[in-house]
């Protein structure tokens, strides 16, 4: 994987890359913080991870960010097109809605 590939995935997700990291040690690893949350893990920060052996995965960070727990893997190619990765990530995320938008009235 080249750094350019990780940057293209980041851009395809509409992210700046400020909260990302590439570890060039073997095995090569990538960490990209993702905006949003997962329905099964509300309130936890979400990260997109890549390793040369497993490809892309979505993980949630424990409160305080001390640990990452992988909750989903993108099957198939280890380096799929950035658009494919971005679509997969977006399908995993839930939209955050305000109480007004979700109930139609103010409580």
PDB file of N, CA and C in Angstrom:
ATOM      1  N   UNK A   1       0.847  -1.171   0.000  1.00  0.00           N
ATOM      2  CA  UNK A   1       0.000   0.000   0.000  1.00  0.00           C
ATOM      3  C   UNK A   1       0.890   1.232   0.000  1.00  0.00           C
ATOM      4  N   UNK A   2       0.508   2.167  -0.794  1.00  0.00           N
ATOM      5  CA  UNK A   2       1.204   3.431  -0.812  1.00  0.00           C
ATOM      6  C   UNK A   2       0.425   4.440   0.021  1.00  0.00           C
ATOM      7  N   UNK A   3       1.112   5.418   0.539  1.00  0.00           N
ATOM      8  CA  UNK A   3       0.480   6.468   1.326  1.00  0.00           C
ATOM      9  C   UNK A   3      -0.614   7.157   0.511  1.00  0.00           C
ATOM     10  N   UNK A   4      -0.401   7.295  -0.778  1.00  0.00           N
ATOM     11  CA  UNK A   4      -1.384   7.932  -1.654  1.00  0.00           C
ATOM     12  C   UNK A   4      -2.730   7.210  -1.598  1.00  0.00           C
ATOM     13  N   UNK A   5      -2.720   5.893  -1.524  1.00  0.00           N
ATOM     14  CA  UNK A   5      -3.964   5.119  -1.449  1.00  0.00           C
ATOM     15  C   UNK A   5      -4.738   5.472  -0.186  1.00  0.00           C
ATOM     16  N   UNK A   6      -4.062   5.528   0.954  1.00  0.00           N
ATOM     17  CA  UNK A   6      -4.712   5.892   2.216  1.00  0.00           C
ATOM     18  C   UNK A   6      -5.278   7.306   2.141  1.00  0.00           C
ATOM     19  N   UNK A   7      -4.554   8.214   1.515  1.00  0.00           N
ATOM     20  CA  UNK A   7      -5.044   9.585   1.359  1.00  0.00           C
ATOM     21  C   UNK A   7      -6.277   9.643   0.459  1.00  0.00           C
ATOM     22  N   UNK A   8      -6.303   8.831  -0.592  1.00  0.00           N
ATOM     23  CA  UNK A   8      -7.479   8.805  -1.481  1.00  0.00           C
ATOM     24  C   UNK A   8      -8.700   8.277  -0.749  1.00  0.00           C
ATOM     25  N   UNK A   9      -8.526   7.271   0.102  1.00  0.00           N
ATOM     26  CA  UNK A   9      -9.642   6.752   0.903  1.00  0.00           C
ATOM     27  C   UNK A   9     -10.133   7.844   1.851  1.00  0.00           C
ATOM     28  N   UNK A  10      -9.200   8.524   2.502  1.00  0.00           N
ATOM     29  CA  UNK A  10      -9.551   9.607   3.432  1.00  0.00           C
ATOM     30  C   UNK A  10     -10.355  10.685   2.716  1.00  0.00           C
ATOM     31  N   UNK A  11      -9.895  11.103   1.562  1.00  0.00           N
ATOM     32  CA  UNK A  11     -10.604  12.140   0.790  1.00  0.00           C
ATOM     33  C   UNK A  11     -11.971  11.655   0.330  1.00  0.00           C
ATOM     34  N   UNK A  12     -12.067  10.402  -0.079  1.00  0.00           N
ATOM     35  CA  UNK A  12     -13.339   9.845  -0.543  1.00  0.00           C
ATOM     36  C   UNK A  12     -14.371   9.866   0.591  1.00  0.00           C
ATOM     37  N   UNK A  13     -13.905   9.775   1.823  1.00  0.00           N
ATOM     38  CA  UNK A  13     -14.788   9.851   2.991  1.00  0.00           C
ATOM     39  C   UNK A  13     -15.092  11.299   3.376  1.00  0.00           C
ATOM     40  N   UNK A  14     -14.478  12.256   2.690  1.00  0.00           N
ATOM     41  CA  UNK A  14     -14.705  13.662   2.991  1.00  0.00           C
ATOM     42  C   UNK A  14     -13.978  14.127   4.238  1.00  0.00           C
ATOM     43  N   UNK A  15     -12.905  13.434   4.591  1.00  0.00           N
ATOM     44  CA  UNK A  15     -12.140  13.763   5.795  1.00  0.00           C
ATOM     45  C   UNK A  15     -10.857  14.483   5.417  1.00  0.00           C
ATOM     46  N   UNK A  16     -10.311  15.228   6.366  1.00  0.00           N
ATOM     47  CA  UNK A  16      -9.085  15.984   6.111  1.00  0.00           C
ATOM     48  C   UNK A  16      -7.826  15.139   6.292  1.00  0.00           C
ATOM     49  N   UNK A  17      -7.923  14.085   7.072  1.00  0.00           N
ATOM     50  CA  UNK A  17      -6.749  13.262   7.358  1.00  0.00           C
ATOM     51  C   UNK A  17      -5.993  13.709   8.585  1.00  0.00           C
ATOM     52  N   UNK A  18      -6.490  14.773   9.253  1.00  0.00           N
ATOM     53  CA  UNK A  18      -5.819  15.267  10.448  1.00  0.00           C
ATOM     54  C   UNK A  18      -5.784  14.224  11.559  1.00  0.00           C
ATOM     55  N   UNK A  19      -6.814  13.394  11.632  1.00  0.00           N
ATOM     56  CA  UNK A  19      -6.884  12.374  12.682  1.00  0.00           C
ATOM     57  C   UNK A  19      -6.612  10.995  12.094  1.00  0.00           C
ATOM     58  N   UNK A  20      -5.493  10.892  11.406  1.00  0.00           N
ATOM     59  CA  UNK A  20      -5.121   9.608  10.821  1.00  0.00           C
ATOM     60  C   UNK A  20      -3.635   9.368  11.064  1.00  0.00           C
ATOM     61  N   UNK A  21      -3.268   8.110  10.891  1.00  0.00           N
ATOM     62  CA  UNK A  21      -1.886   7.730  11.166  1.00  0.00           C
ATOM     63  C   UNK A  21      -1.513   6.546  10.281  1.00  0.00           C
ATOM     64  N   UNK A  22      -0.313   6.571   9.739  1.00  0.00           N
ATOM     65  CA  UNK A  22       0.207   5.443   8.977  1.00  0.00           C
ATOM     66  C   UNK A  22       1.440   4.929   9.711  1.00  0.00           C
ATOM     67  N   UNK A  23       1.409   3.651  10.066  1.00  0.00           N
ATOM     68  CA  UNK A  23       2.546   3.000  10.720  1.00  0.00           C
ATOM     69  C   UNK A  23       3.261   2.185   9.646  1.00  0.00           C
ATOM     70  N   UNK A  24       4.436   2.643   9.258  1.00  0.00           N
ATOM     71  CA  UNK A  24       5.163   2.015   8.150  1.00  0.00           C
ATOM     72  C   UNK A  24       5.949   0.770   8.556  1.00  0.00           C
ATOM     73  N   UNK A  25       5.946   0.434   9.842  1.00  0.00           N
ATOM     74  CA  UNK A  25       6.608  -0.789  10.285  1.00  0.00           C
ATOM     75  C   UNK A  25       5.859  -1.991   9.716  1.00  0.00           C
ATOM     76  N   UNK A  26       6.530  -3.117   9.635  1.00  0.00           N
ATOM     77  CA  UNK A  26       5.880  -4.340   9.156  1.00  0.00           C
ATOM     78  C   UNK A  26       5.116  -4.983  10.291  1.00  0.00           C
ATOM     79  N   UNK A  27       3.872  -5.365  10.140  1.00  0.00           N
ATOM     80  CA  UNK A  27       3.047  -5.139   8.962  1.00  0.00           C
ATOM     81  C   UNK A  27       2.566  -3.687   8.912  1.00  0.00           C
ATOM     82  N   UNK A  28       2.472  -3.157   7.703  1.00  0.00           N
ATOM     83  CA  UNK A  28       2.005  -1.796   7.482  1.00  0.00           C
ATOM     84  C   UNK A  28       0.577  -1.657   7.996  1.00  0.00           C
ATOM     85  N   UNK A  29       0.305  -0.547   8.717  1.00  0.00           N
ATOM     86  CA  UNK A  29      -1.029  -0.317   9.278  1.00  0.00           C
ATOM     87  C   UNK A  29      -1.445   1.130   9.068  1.00  0.00           C
ATOM     88  N   UNK A  30      -2.776   1.331   8.916  1.00  0.00           N
ATOM     89  CA  UNK A  30      -3.346   2.664   8.754  1.00  0.00           C
ATOM     90  C   UNK A  30      -4.493   2.817   9.747  1.00  0.00           C
ATOM     91  N   UNK A  31      -4.594   4.005  10.347  1.00  0.00           N
ATOM     92  CA  UNK A  31      -5.681   4.367  11.258  1.00  0.00           C
ATOM     93  C   UNK A  31      -6.285   5.665  10.748  1.00  0.00           C
ATOM     94  N   UNK A  32      -7.614   5.688  10.550  1.00  0.00           N
ATOM     95  CA  UNK A  32      -8.321   6.900  10.136  1.00  0.00           C
ATOM     96  C   UNK A  32      -9.516   7.083  11.058  1.00  0.00           C
ATOM     97  N   UNK A  33      -9.548   8.195  11.788  1.00  0.00           N
ATOM     98  CA  UNK A  33     -10.717   8.504  12.619  1.00  0.00           C
ATOM     99  C   UNK A  33     -11.871   8.879  11.690  1.00  0.00           C
ATOM    100  N   UNK A  34     -13.051   8.364  12.001  1.00  0.00           N
ATOM    101  CA  UNK A  34     -14.229   8.569  11.144  1.00  0.00           C
ATOM    102  C   UNK A  34     -15.282   9.339  11.926  1.00  0.00           C
ATOM    103  N   UNK A  35     -15.917  10.316  11.271  1.00  0.00           N
ATOM    104  CA  UNK A  35     -17.024  11.051  11.882  1.00  0.00           C
ATOM    105  C   UNK A  35     -18.266  10.181  11.858  1.00  0.00           C
ATOM    106  N   UNK A  36     -18.972  10.102  12.965  1.00  0.00           N
ATOM    107  CA  UNK A  36     -20.209   9.334  13.039  1.00  0.00           C
ATOM    108  C   UNK A  36     -20.124   8.285  14.128  1.00  0.00           C
ATOM    109  N   UNK A  37     -21.159   7.472  14.184  1.00  0.00           N
ATOM    110  CA  UNK A  37     -21.183   6.388  15.162  1.00  0.00           C
ATOM    111  C   UNK A  37     -21.907   5.192  14.574  1.00  0.00           C
ATOM    112  N   UNK A  38     -21.761   4.061  15.233  1.00  0.00           N
ATOM    113  CA  UNK A  38     -22.392   2.819  14.806  1.00  0.00           C
ATOM    114  C   UNK A  38     -23.630   2.567  15.661  1.00  0.00           C
ATOM    115  N   UNK A  39     -24.691   2.057  15.054  1.00  0.00           N
ATOM    116  CA  UNK A  39     -25.941   1.811  15.779  1.00  0.00           C
ATOM    117  C   UNK A  39     -25.737   0.884  16.975  1.00  0.00           C
ATOM    118  N   UNK A  40     -24.924  -0.139  16.816  1.00  0.00           N
ATOM    119  CA  UNK A  40     -24.698  -1.107  17.895  1.00  0.00           C
ATOM    120  C   UNK A  40     -23.701  -0.623  18.945  1.00  0.00           C
ATOM    121  N   UNK A  41     -23.087   0.541  18.701  1.00  0.00           N
ATOM    122  CA  UNK A  41     -22.069   1.072  19.622  1.00  0.00           C
ATOM    123  C   UNK A  41     -22.250   2.582  19.776  1.00  0.00           C
ATOM    124  N   UNK A  42     -23.432   3.013  20.216  1.00  0.00           N
ATOM    125  CA  UNK A  42     -23.689   4.454  20.305  1.00  0.00           C
ATOM    126  C   UNK A  42     -22.743   5.145  21.282  1.00  0.00           C
ATOM    127  N   UNK A  43     -22.348   6.345  20.903  1.00  0.00           N
ATOM    128  CA  UNK A  43     -21.500   7.151  21.770  1.00  0.00           C
ATOM    129  C   UNK A  43     -20.015   6.842  21.706  1.00  0.00           C
ATOM    130  N   UNK A  44     -19.636   5.792  20.976  1.00  0.00           N
ATOM    131  CA  UNK A  44     -18.211   5.446  20.873  1.00  0.00           C
ATOM    132  C   UNK A  44     -17.627   5.994  19.575  1.00  0.00           C
ATOM    133  N   UNK A  45     -16.391   6.459  19.643  1.00  0.00           N
ATOM    134  CA  UNK A  45     -15.702   6.945  18.458  1.00  0.00           C
ATOM    135  C   UNK A  45     -15.429   5.782  17.512  1.00  0.00           C
ATOM    136  N   UNK A  46     -15.460   6.085  16.217  1.00  0.00           N
ATOM    137  CA  UNK A  46     -15.284   5.072  15.174  1.00  0.00           C
ATOM    138  C   UNK A  46     -13.974   5.322  14.439  1.00  0.00           C
ATOM    139  N   UNK A  47     -13.274   4.236  14.109  1.00  0.00           N
ATOM    140  CA  UNK A  47     -12.033   4.324  13.350  1.00  0.00           C
ATOM    141  C   UNK A  47     -12.049   3.317  12.213  1.00  0.00           C
ATOM    142  N   UNK A  48     -11.427   3.694  11.127  1.00  0.00           N
ATOM    143  CA  UNK A  48     -11.227   2.809   9.991  1.00  0.00           C
ATOM    144  C   UNK A  48      -9.777   2.364  10.043  1.00  0.00           C
ATOM    145  N   UNK A  49      -9.555   1.050  10.010  1.00  0.00           N
ATOM    146  CA  UNK A  49      -8.213   0.489  10.117  1.00  0.00           C
ATOM    147  C   UNK A  49      -7.876  -0.300   8.856  1.00  0.00           C
ATOM    148  N   UNK A  50      -6.606  -0.318   8.510  1.00  0.00           N
ATOM    149  CA  UNK A  50      -6.142  -1.149   7.394  1.00  0.00           C
ATOM    150  C   UNK A  50      -4.848  -1.828   7.816  1.00  0.00           C
ATOM    151  N   UNK A  51      -4.754  -3.114   7.502  1.00  0.00           N
ATOM    152  CA  UNK A  51      -3.493  -3.835   7.665  1.00  0.00           C
ATOM    153  C   UNK A  51      -3.219  -4.605   6.381  1.00  0.00           C
ATOM    154  N   UNK A  52      -1.958  -4.848   6.118  1.00  0.00           N
ATOM    155  CA  UNK A  52      -1.585  -5.536   4.885  1.00  0.00           C
ATOM    156  C   UNK A  52      -2.106  -6.965   4.833  1.00  0.00           C
ATOM    157  N   UNK A  53      -2.365  -7.565   5.980  1.00  0.00           N
ATOM    158  CA  UNK A  53      -2.855  -8.938   6.001  1.00  0.00           C
ATOM    159  C   UNK A  53      -4.358  -9.085   5.936  1.00  0.00           C
ATOM    160  N   UNK A  54      -5.097  -8.073   6.423  1.00  0.00           N
ATOM    161  CA  UNK A  54      -6.549  -8.197   6.534  1.00  0.00           C
ATOM    162  C   UNK A  54      -7.346  -7.172   5.747  1.00  0.00           C
ATOM    163  N   UNK A  55      -6.709  -6.148   5.212  1.00  0.00           N
ATOM    164  CA  UNK A  55      -7.442  -5.105   4.502  1.00  0.00           C
ATOM    165  C   UNK A  55      -8.131  -4.169   5.485  1.00  0.00           C
ATOM    166  N   UNK A  56      -9.317  -3.687   5.110  1.00  0.00           N
ATOM    167  CA  UNK A  56     -10.029  -2.671   5.886  1.00  0.00           C
ATOM    168  C   UNK A  56     -10.948  -3.269   6.938  1.00  0.00           C
ATOM    169  N   UNK A  57     -11.026  -2.568   8.080  1.00  0.00           N
ATOM    170  CA  UNK A  57     -11.919  -2.951   9.170  1.00  0.00           C
ATOM    171  C   UNK A  57     -12.424  -1.686   9.846  1.00  0.00           C
ATOM    172  N   UNK A  58     -13.587  -1.796  10.465  1.00  0.00           N
ATOM    173  CA  UNK A  58     -14.124  -0.710  11.280  1.00  0.00           C
ATOM    174  C   UNK A  58     -13.994  -1.132  12.734  1.00  0.00           C
ATOM    175  N   UNK A  59     -13.535  -0.193  13.547  1.00  0.00           N
ATOM    176  CA  UNK A  59     -13.361  -0.456  14.972  1.00  0.00           C
ATOM    177  C   UNK A  59     -13.997   0.673  15.774  1.00  0.00           C
ATOM    178  N   UNK A  60     -14.318   0.362  17.021  1.00  0.00           N
ATOM    179  CA  UNK A  60     -14.792   1.388  17.950  1.00  0.00           C
ATOM    180  C   UNK A  60     -13.738   1.539  19.034  1.00  0.00           C
ATOM    181  N   UNK A  61     -13.626   2.769  19.528  1.00  0.00           N
ATOM    182  CA  UNK A  61     -12.664   3.059  20.587  1.00  0.00           C
ATOM    183  C   UNK A  61     -13.354   2.969  21.930  1.00  0.00           C
ATOM    184  N   UNK A  62     -12.677   2.362  22.884  1.00  0.00           N
ATOM    185  CA  UNK A  62     -13.218   2.314  24.234  1.00  0.00           C
ATOM    186  C   UNK A  62     -13.266   3.738  24.779  1.00  0.00           C
ATOM    187  N   UNK A  63     -14.127   3.988  25.765  1.00  0.00           N
ATOM    188  CA  UNK A  63     -14.131   5.322  26.376  1.00  0.00           C
ATOM    189  C   UNK A  63     -12.719   5.686  26.829  1.00  0.00           C
ATOM    190  N   UNK A  64     -12.290   6.861  26.466  1.00  0.00           N
ATOM    191  CA  UNK A  64     -10.919   7.276  26.778  1.00  0.00           C
ATOM    192  C   UNK A  64      -9.944   6.940  25.663  1.00  0.00           C
ATOM    193  N   UNK A  65     -10.373   6.143  24.668  1.00  0.00           N
ATOM    194  CA  UNK A  65      -9.543   5.819  23.519  1.00  0.00           C
ATOM    195  C   UNK A  65      -8.382   4.892  23.782  1.00  0.00           C
ATOM    196  N   UNK A  66      -8.426   4.147  24.884  1.00  0.00           N
ATOM    197  CA  UNK A  66      -7.298   3.279  25.229  1.00  0.00           C
ATOM    198  C   UNK A  66      -7.218   2.030  24.362  1.00  0.00           C
ATOM    199  N   UNK A  67      -8.359   1.525  23.905  1.00  0.00           N
ATOM    200  CA  UNK A  67      -8.379   0.284  23.125  1.00  0.00           C
ATOM    201  C   UNK A  67      -9.300   0.407  21.923  1.00  0.00           C
ATOM    202  N   UNK A  68      -8.966  -0.334  20.876  1.00  0.00           N
ATOM    203  CA  UNK A  68      -9.805  -0.435  19.679  1.00  0.00           C
ATOM    204  C   UNK A  68     -10.362  -1.846  19.599  1.00  0.00           C
ATOM    205  N   UNK A  69     -11.649  -1.951  19.277  1.00  0.00           N
ATOM    206  CA  UNK A  69     -12.283  -3.253  19.084  1.00  0.00           C
ATOM    207  C   UNK A  69     -12.833  -3.304  17.667  1.00  0.00           C
ATOM    208  N   UNK A  70     -12.336  -4.225  16.856  1.00  0.00           N
ATOM    209  CA  UNK A  70     -12.822  -4.377  15.481  1.00  0.00           C
ATOM    210  C   UNK A  70     -14.220  -4.970  15.524  1.00  0.00           C
ATOM    211  N   UNK A  71     -15.149  -4.335  14.795  1.00  0.00           N
ATOM    212  CA  UNK A  71     -16.534  -4.792  14.775  1.00  0.00           C
ATOM    213  C   UNK A  71     -16.997  -5.226  13.385  1.00  0.00           C
ATOM    214  N   UNK A  72     -16.228  -4.910  12.340  1.00  0.00           N
ATOM    215  CA  UNK A  72     -16.631  -5.283  10.988  1.00  0.00           C
ATOM    216  C   UNK A  72     -15.421  -5.258  10.056  1.00  0.00           C
ATOM    217  N   UNK A  73     -15.378  -6.216   9.128  1.00  0.00           N
ATOM    218  CA  UNK A  73     -14.325  -6.275   8.106  1.00  0.00           C
ATOM    219  C   UNK A  73     -14.942  -6.104   6.728  1.00  0.00           C
ATOM    220  N   UNK A  74     -14.237  -5.419   5.851  1.00  0.00           N
ATOM    221  CA  UNK A  74     -14.628  -5.325   4.452  1.00  0.00           C
ATOM    222  C   UNK A  74     -13.977  -6.505   3.743  1.00  0.00           C
ATOM    223  N   UNK A  75     -14.768  -7.418   3.265  1.00  0.00           N
ATOM    224  CA  UNK A  75     -14.229  -8.597   2.585  1.00  0.00           C
ATOM    225  C   UNK A  75     -13.706  -8.248   1.209  1.00  0.00           C
ATOM    226  N   UNK A  76     -13.133  -9.229   0.559  1.00  0.00           N
ATOM    227  CA  UNK A  76     -12.651  -9.040  -0.802  1.00  0.00           C
ATOM    228  C   UNK A  76     -11.196  -8.622  -0.836  1.00  0.00           C
ATOM    229  N   UNK A  77     -10.881  -7.787  -1.805  1.00  0.00           N
ATOM    230  CA  UNK A  77      -9.503  -7.352  -2.027  1.00  0.00           C
ATOM    231  C   UNK A  77      -8.949  -6.602  -0.824  1.00  0.00           C
ATOM    232  N   UNK A  78      -7.653  -6.718  -0.612  1.00  0.00           N
ATOM    233  CA  UNK A  78      -6.989  -6.022   0.487  1.00  0.00           C
ATOM    234  C   UNK A  78      -6.935  -4.520   0.206  1.00  0.00           C
ATOM    235  N   UNK A  79      -6.854  -4.131  -1.059  1.00  0.00           N
ATOM    236  CA  UNK A  79      -6.817  -2.722  -1.442  1.00  0.00           C
ATOM    237  C   UNK A  79      -7.907  -2.425  -2.470  1.00  0.00           C
ATOM    238  N   UNK A  80      -9.174  -2.444  -2.058  1.00  0.00           N
ATOM    239  CA  UNK A  80     -10.254  -2.134  -3.001  1.00  0.00           C
ATOM    240  C   UNK A  80     -10.233  -0.649  -3.372  1.00  0.00           C
ATOM    241  N   UNK A  81     -10.948  -0.266  -4.418  1.00  0.00           N
ATOM    242  CA  UNK A  81     -10.990   1.149  -4.795  1.00  0.00           C
ATOM    243  C   UNK A  81     -11.469   2.011  -3.621  1.00  0.00           C
ATOM    244  N   UNK A  82     -10.912   3.206  -3.459  1.00  0.00           N
ATOM    245  CA  UNK A  82     -11.318   4.093  -2.366  1.00  0.00           C
ATOM    246  C   UNK A  82     -12.831   4.326  -2.309  1.00  0.00           C
ATOM    247  N   UNK A  83     -13.480   4.435  -3.440  1.00  0.00           N
ATOM    248  CA  UNK A  83     -14.932   4.644  -3.464  1.00  0.00           C
ATOM    249  C   UNK A  83     -15.666   3.470  -2.823  1.00  0.00           C
ATOM    250  N   UNK A  84     -15.185   2.250  -3.060  1.00  0.00           N
ATOM    251  CA  UNK A  84     -15.783   1.053  -2.458  1.00  0.00           C
ATOM    252  C   UNK A  84     -15.653   1.100  -0.934  1.00  0.00           C
ATOM    253  N   UNK A  85     -14.481   1.495  -0.460  1.00  0.00           N
ATOM    254  CA  UNK A  85     -14.250   1.592   0.988  1.00  0.00           C
ATOM    255  C   UNK A  85     -15.185   2.642   1.585  1.00  0.00           C
ATOM    256  N   UNK A  86     -15.276   3.797   0.956  1.00  0.00           N
ATOM    257  CA  UNK A  86     -16.110   4.884   1.475  1.00  0.00           C
ATOM    258  C   UNK A  86     -17.582   4.489   1.515  1.00  0.00           C
ATOM    259  N   UNK A  87     -18.069   3.834   0.477  1.00  0.00           N
ATOM    260  CA  UNK A  87     -19.477   3.382   0.473  1.00  0.00           C
ATOM    261  C   UNK A  87     -19.729   2.406   1.610  1.00  0.00           C
ATOM    262  N   UNK A  88     -18.818   1.477   1.819  1.00  0.00           N
ATOM    263  CA  UNK A  88     -18.959   0.493   2.887  1.00  0.00           C
ATOM    264  C   UNK A  88     -19.003   1.175   4.251  1.00  0.00           C
ATOM    265  N   UNK A  89     -18.100   2.122   4.474  1.00  0.00           N
ATOM    266  CA  UNK A  89     -18.073   2.841   5.748  1.00  0.00           C
ATOM    267  C   UNK A  89     -19.380   3.595   5.963  1.00  0.00           C
ATOM    268  N   UNK A  90     -19.835   4.306   4.949  1.00  0.00           N
ATOM    269  CA  UNK A  90     -21.077   5.089   5.081  1.00  0.00           C
ATOM    270  C   UNK A  90     -22.276   4.198   5.397  1.00  0.00           C
ATOM    271  N   UNK A  91     -22.309   2.995   4.847  1.00  0.00           N
ATOM    272  CA  UNK A  91     -23.419   2.070   5.141  1.00  0.00           C
ATOM    273  C   UNK A  91     -23.388   1.610   6.595  1.00  0.00           C
ATOM    274  N   UNK A  92     -22.208   1.602   7.208  1.00  0.00           N
ATOM    275  CA  UNK A  92     -22.077   1.156   8.594  1.00  0.00           C
ATOM    276  C   UNK A  92     -22.504   2.223   9.600  1.00  0.00           C
ATOM    277  N   UNK A  93     -22.392   3.472   9.200  1.00  0.00           N
ATOM    278  CA  UNK A  93     -22.654   4.578  10.118  1.00  0.00           C
ATOM    279  C   UNK A  93     -24.130   4.935  10.170  1.00  0.00           C
ATOM    280  N   UNK A  94     -24.557   5.463  11.307  1.00  0.00           N
ATOM    281  CA  UNK A  94     -25.920   5.977  11.446  1.00  0.00           C
ATOM    282  C   UNK A  94     -25.841   7.490  11.496  1.00  0.00           C
ATOM    283  N   UNK A  95     -26.883   8.114  11.004  1.00  0.00           N
ATOM    284  CA  UNK A  95     -26.929   9.564  11.064  1.00  0.00           C
ATOM    285  C   UNK A  95     -27.270  10.001  12.472  1.00  0.00           C
ATOM    286  N   UNK A  96     -26.597  11.013  12.923  1.00  0.00           N
ATOM    287  CA  UNK A  96     -26.926  11.592  14.216  1.00  0.00           C
ATOM    288  C   UNK A  96     -28.046  12.598  13.982  1.00  0.00           C
ATOM    289  N   UNK A  97     -29.128  12.472  14.748  1.00  0.00           N
ATOM    290  CA  UNK A  97     -30.247  13.382  14.589  1.00  0.00           C
ATOM    291  C   UNK A  97     -30.512  14.104  15.906  1.00  0.00           C
ATOM    292  N   UNK A  98     -31.022  15.300  15.784  1.00  0.00           N
ATOM    293  CA  UNK A  98     -31.370  16.051  16.987  1.00  0.00           C
ATOM    294  C   UNK A  98     -32.717  15.561  17.486  1.00  0.00           C
ATOM    295  N   UNK A  99     -33.052  15.792  18.755  1.00  0.00           N
ATOM    296  CA  UNK A  99     -34.366  15.380  19.269  1.00  0.00           C
ATOM    297  C   UNK A  99     -35.510  15.992  18.466  1.00  0.00           C
ATOM    298  N   UNK A 100     -35.336  17.199  17.965  1.00  0.00           N
ATOM    299  CA  UNK A 100     -36.389  17.833  17.174  1.00  0.00           C
ATOM    300  C   UNK A 100     -36.598  17.071  15.884  1.00  0.00           C
ATOM    301  N   UNK A 101     -35.496  16.723  15.213  1.00  0.00           N
ATOM    302  CA  UNK A 101     -35.611  16.024  13.932  1.00  0.00           C
ATOM    303  C   UNK A 101     -36.171  14.620  14.102  1.00  0.00           C
ATOM    304  N   UNK A 102     -35.829  13.952  15.182  1.00  0.00           N
ATOM    305  CA  UNK A 102     -36.261  12.569  15.320  1.00  0.00           C
ATOM    306  C   UNK A 102     -37.704  12.438  15.831  1.00  0.00           C
ATOM    307  N   UNK A 103     -38.195  13.412  16.589  1.00  0.00           N
ATOM    308  CA  UNK A 103     -39.549  13.292  17.130  1.00  0.00           C
ATOM    309  C   UNK A 103     -40.533  14.211  16.440  1.00  0.00           C
ATOM    310  N   UNK A 104     -40.022  15.210  15.745  1.00  0.00           N
ATOM    311  CA  UNK A 104     -40.901  16.141  15.057  1.00  0.00           C
ATOM    312  C   UNK A 104     -41.384  17.273  15.951  1.00  0.00           C
ATOM    313  N   UNK A 105     -41.028  17.262  17.219  1.00  0.00           N
ATOM    314  CA  UNK A 105     -41.413  18.355  18.120  1.00  0.00           C
ATOM    315  C   UNK A 105     -40.370  18.505  19.232  1.00  0.00           C
ATOM    316  N   UNK A 106     -40.415  19.619  19.866  1.00  0.00           N
ATOM    317  CA  UNK A 106     -39.490  19.871  20.974  1.00  0.00           C
ATOM    318  C   UNK A 106     -40.089  19.334  22.253  1.00  0.00           C
ATOM    319  N   UNK A 107     -39.312  18.587  23.015  1.00  0.00           N
ATOM    320  CA  UNK A 107     -39.812  18.006  24.259  1.00  0.00           C
ATOM    321  C   UNK A 107     -39.973  19.047  25.337  1.00  0.00           C
TER     322      UNK A 107
END
